[in-house]
Amino acid sequence: MDTDTNIGKKIQSARKEAGLTQEQAAELIGVSRQSISNWETENSYPSIISVIKMSDAYHVSLDYLLKGEPAMNKYYEYLKESTDVVESNTRKGRLLTVLIYLIIWAVAMIFFWFFTSGSDAMGYSLMFLWIILPVTTFVISLVIGIKDYWGRKKWLASPVLGIMYMLAEYGTYSMSNNMAFHKINAPEWKMIIAGSVISLIALVLGHLIGKRKQKHIS
């Protein structure tokens, strides 16, 4: 093979020496023919996963595709920038997920204490504890599972959300009764189990969906 210093030419050379058309290469790598064309003309760059697949499809080493050429610095910068963007988006996604849950949780608590009266407090408690918060817990956990936020630590979301579910019940309906009857009852600890189970089901489902997507991509 020649020693082109241009990544596009190196990719094109490797494909041609493998005896593949752009259509055939696209099918093997799992991308569109236009993507192959864009890589070879350097209108865009392949992801690191695509480079690995390309190495297998073209029967060339990763060293040949990625190392030893001064012009590859541009591609290394592209990969670093792409990785930085992914990491930044992941951090933002995690933060946004937590904020959405906390905002819904806090707004529901505020609404209970400032915008309900004794006559409709029961109905609101049921709606909040059996519809709004369970659905929110499920959706948030599903997103965490699909996105694999926090990696293996994501499973800790289940007991954490279970505790938040218990605090929501204790901070609304139970606390209202405590104040009405001038007594202090202990929190309903079984609410932790209920919230944790809801979260765990969604986490498992999200984890499986995320794995399936990743498998499809790779």
Protein backbone atom coordinates (compact mmCIF):
# COMPACT_ATOMS: atom_id res chain seq x y z
CA MET A 1 0.00 0.00 0.00
CA ASP A 2 1.16 3.55 -0.59
CA THR A 3 2.08 5.96 2.15
CA ASP A 4 -0.42 8.74 1.50
CA THR A 5 -0.40 11.31 4.25
CA ASN A 6 -4.04 12.17 3.61
CA ILE A 7 -6.52 10.13 5.64
CA GLY A 8 -9.12 10.27 2.89
CA LYS A 9 -6.68 8.87 0.37
CA LYS A 10 -5.53 6.21 2.82
CA ILE A 11 -9.12 5.08 3.37
CA GLN A 12 -9.81 5.08 -0.36
CA SER A 13 -6.59 3.20 -1.11
CA ALA A 14 -7.37 0.56 1.52
CA ARG A 15 -10.87 0.07 0.14
CA LYS A 16 -9.68 -0.31 -3.43
CA GLU A 17 -6.92 -2.74 -2.48
CA ALA A 18 -9.57 -4.79 -0.66
CA GLY A 19 -11.46 -4.93 -3.96
CA LEU A 20 -14.56 -3.23 -2.60
CA THR A 21 -16.86 -0.65 -4.14
CA GLN A 22 -18.17 2.17 -1.97
CA GLU A 23 -21.55 0.42 -1.85
CA GLN A 24 -19.99 -2.85 -0.68
CA ALA A 25 -17.84 -1.06 1.89
CA ALA A 26 -20.86 0.83 3.19
CA GLU A 27 -22.77 -2.42 3.67
CA LEU A 28 -19.89 -4.06 5.54
CA ILE A 29 -19.31 -1.08 7.82
CA GLY A 30 -23.00 -0.36 8.33
CA VAL A 31 -23.13 3.17 6.97
CA SER A 32 -24.40 4.86 3.82
CA ARG A 33 -22.44 5.01 0.58
CA GLN A 34 -22.45 8.79 0.94
CA SER A 35 -20.62 8.43 4.27
CA ILE A 36 -17.87 6.39 2.59
CA SER A 37 -17.61 9.04 -0.12
CA ASN A 38 -17.46 11.86 2.46
CA TRP A 39 -14.67 10.11 4.38
CA GLU A 40 -12.62 9.56 1.26
CA THR A 41 -13.00 13.18 0.19
CA GLU A 42 -12.57 14.39 3.80
CA ASN A 43 -15.88 16.18 3.84
CA SER A 44 -16.37 14.40 7.15
CA TYR A 45 -14.46 11.97 9.35
CA PRO A 46 -15.42 8.46 10.49
CA SER A 47 -16.05 7.73 14.15
CA ILE A 48 -13.56 5.53 15.97
CA ILE A 49 -16.09 2.67 15.82
CA SER A 50 -16.31 3.06 12.04
CA VAL A 51 -12.51 3.06 11.79
CA ILE A 52 -12.38 -0.24 13.68
CA LYS A 53 -15.00 -1.74 11.35
CA MET A 54 -13.11 -0.35 8.40
CA SER A 55 -9.95 -2.06 9.58
CA ASP A 56 -11.76 -5.41 9.58
CA ALA A 57 -13.54 -4.82 6.27
CA TYR A 58 -10.42 -3.63 4.42
CA HIS A 59 -8.07 -6.11 6.11
CA VAL A 60 -5.66 -3.41 7.22
CA SER A 61 -4.33 -2.59 10.66
CA LEU A 62 -5.49 0.30 12.80
CA ASP A 63 -1.87 1.45 12.79
CA TYR A 64 -2.07 1.91 9.03
CA LEU A 65 -5.29 3.92 9.26
CA LEU A 66 -4.49 5.96 12.34
CA LYS A 67 -0.77 6.17 13.04
CA GLY A 68 2.51 7.34 11.67
CA GLU A 69 1.42 10.25 9.50
CA PRO A 70 1.71 13.96 10.37
CA ALA A 71 -1.58 14.70 8.67
CA MET A 72 -3.33 12.41 11.16
CA ASN A 73 -3.02 15.09 13.83
CA LYS A 74 -6.08 16.70 12.30
CA TYR A 75 -8.03 13.49 12.72
CA TYR A 76 -6.80 13.01 16.28
CA GLU A 77 -8.04 16.50 17.06
CA TYR A 78 -11.39 15.59 15.52
CA LEU A 79 -11.66 12.47 17.69
CA LYS A 80 -10.69 14.41 20.82
CA GLU A 81 -13.25 17.12 20.06
CA SER A 82 -15.91 14.48 19.39
CA THR A 83 -15.10 12.75 22.68
CA ASP A 84 -15.18 16.05 24.55
CA VAL A 85 -18.58 16.86 23.02
CA VAL A 86 -19.96 13.46 24.01
CA GLU A 87 -18.66 13.82 27.57
CA SER A 88 -20.05 17.34 27.82
CA ASN A 89 -23.44 16.24 26.50
CA THR A 90 -23.45 13.34 28.95
CA ARG A 91 -22.76 15.66 31.88
CA LYS A 92 -25.49 18.02 30.71
CA GLY A 93 -27.87 15.10 30.24
CA ARG A 94 -27.24 13.80 33.76
CA LEU A 95 -27.68 17.26 35.26
CA LEU A 96 -30.85 17.91 33.27
CA THR A 97 -32.32 14.55 34.28
CA VAL A 98 -31.72 15.25 37.97
CA LEU A 99 -33.04 18.81 37.70
CA ILE A 100 -36.23 17.74 35.93
CA TYR A 101 -37.00 15.23 38.66
CA LEU A 102 -36.23 17.66 41.49
CA ILE A 103 -38.27 20.44 39.89
CA ILE A 104 -41.32 18.19 39.44
CA TRP A 105 -40.89 16.89 42.99
CA ALA A 106 -40.52 20.38 44.48
CA VAL A 107 -43.34 21.93 42.45
CA ALA A 108 -45.70 19.15 43.51
CA MET A 109 -44.79 19.70 47.16
CA ILE A 110 -45.24 23.46 46.89
CA PHE A 111 -48.56 23.05 45.09
CA PHE A 112 -49.83 20.76 47.84
CA TRP A 113 -49.06 23.18 50.65
CA PHE A 114 -49.93 26.47 48.99
CA PHE A 115 -52.65 25.71 46.48
CA THR A 116 -54.80 23.00 48.05
CA SER A 117 -57.22 23.08 50.95
CA GLY A 118 -58.49 20.42 53.30
CA SER A 119 -61.32 19.49 50.96
CA ASP A 120 -59.14 18.60 48.00
CA ALA A 121 -55.89 17.65 49.76
CA MET A 122 -56.81 13.96 49.72
CA GLY A 123 -57.54 13.95 46.01
CA TYR A 124 -54.35 15.81 45.23
CA SER A 125 -52.31 13.45 47.42
CA LEU A 126 -53.67 10.47 45.52
CA MET A 127 -52.98 12.12 42.17
CA PHE A 128 -49.47 13.14 43.21
CA LEU A 129 -48.48 9.92 44.95
CA TRP A 130 -50.12 7.42 42.63
CA ILE A 131 -49.88 9.12 39.23
CA ILE A 132 -47.53 12.09 38.91
CA LEU A 133 -44.58 10.93 41.00
CA PRO A 134 -44.66 7.24 39.96
CA VAL A 135 -44.77 8.22 36.28
CA THR A 136 -41.96 10.73 36.80
CA THR A 137 -39.89 8.14 38.67
CA PHE A 138 -40.44 5.59 35.92
CA VAL A 139 -39.58 7.96 33.06
CA ILE A 140 -36.49 9.38 34.77
CA SER A 141 -35.23 5.88 35.59
CA LEU A 142 -35.91 4.74 32.05
CA VAL A 143 -33.81 7.59 30.67
CA ILE A 144 -30.99 6.84 33.11
CA GLY A 145 -31.04 3.20 32.02
CA ILE A 146 -31.10 3.93 28.29
CA LYS A 147 -28.36 6.56 28.47
CA ASP A 148 -26.38 4.51 30.99
CA TYR A 149 -25.81 7.62 33.09
CA TRP A 150 -23.26 6.97 35.87
CA GLY A 151 -22.46 3.50 34.50
CA ARG A 152 -22.76 0.79 37.15
CA LYS A 153 -23.66 3.41 39.73
CA LYS A 154 -26.92 4.03 37.89
CA TRP A 155 -28.51 1.22 39.93
CA LEU A 156 -28.18 3.43 43.01
CA ALA A 157 -30.88 5.60 41.46
CA SER A 158 -33.42 2.96 42.52
CA PRO A 159 -33.05 3.34 46.33
CA VAL A 160 -32.47 7.10 46.01
CA LEU A 161 -35.72 7.58 44.10
CA GLY A 162 -37.40 5.22 46.56
CA ILE A 163 -36.34 7.49 49.42
CA MET A 164 -37.56 10.56 47.52
CA TYR A 165 -40.90 8.82 46.99
CA MET A 166 -41.19 8.15 50.71
CA LEU A 167 -40.26 11.75 51.54
CA ALA A 168 -42.88 13.00 49.10
CA GLU A 169 -45.61 11.03 50.87
CA TYR A 170 -44.37 12.02 54.30
CA GLY A 171 -43.96 15.66 53.32
CA THR A 172 -47.52 15.96 52.02
CA TYR A 173 -50.28 13.61 53.10
CA SER A 174 -48.66 12.22 56.28
CA MET A 175 -47.42 15.61 57.45
CA SER A 176 -50.84 17.12 56.82
CA ASN A 177 -52.41 14.45 59.05
CA ASN A 178 -49.74 14.96 61.70
CA MET A 179 -50.53 18.65 61.83
CA ALA A 180 -54.30 18.09 61.82
CA PHE A 181 -54.21 15.64 64.73
CA HIS A 182 -51.27 17.23 66.55
CA LYS A 183 -49.13 14.11 66.46
CA ILE A 184 -46.00 12.81 64.81
CA ASN A 185 -46.15 9.54 62.93
CA ALA A 186 -43.11 7.78 61.53
CA PRO A 187 -42.64 7.80 57.75
CA GLU A 188 -44.19 5.00 55.70
CA TRP A 189 -40.99 3.04 55.04
CA LYS A 190 -42.83 0.75 52.64
CA MET A 191 -43.03 3.75 50.30
CA ILE A 192 -39.27 3.36 49.78
CA ILE A 193 -39.86 -0.17 48.52
CA ALA A 194 -42.67 0.99 46.22
CA GLY A 195 -40.61 3.80 44.71
CA SER A 196 -37.52 1.61 44.41
CA VAL A 197 -39.43 -1.14 42.61
CA ILE A 198 -40.91 1.34 40.12
CA SER A 199 -37.45 2.77 39.49
CA LEU A 200 -35.74 -0.62 39.25
CA ILE A 201 -38.23 -1.91 36.66
CA ALA A 202 -37.62 1.18 34.52
CA LEU A 203 -33.84 0.96 34.98
CA VAL A 204 -33.76 -2.66 33.85
CA LEU A 205 -35.98 -1.89 30.87
CA GLY A 206 -33.88 1.15 29.95
CA HIS A 207 -30.66 -0.84 30.37
CA LEU A 208 -31.92 -3.51 27.97
CA ILE A 209 -33.05 -0.90 25.43
CA GLY A 210 -29.69 0.86 25.68
CA LYS A 211 -27.78 -2.40 25.19
CA ARG A 212 -29.90 -3.26 22.18
CA LYS A 213 -29.28 0.15 20.62
CA GLN A 214 -25.56 -0.12 21.27
CA LYS A 215 -25.47 -3.57 19.73
CA HIS A 216 -27.34 -2.29 16.69
CA ILE A 217 -24.90 0.61 16.29
CA SER A 218 -21.80 -1.54 16.67
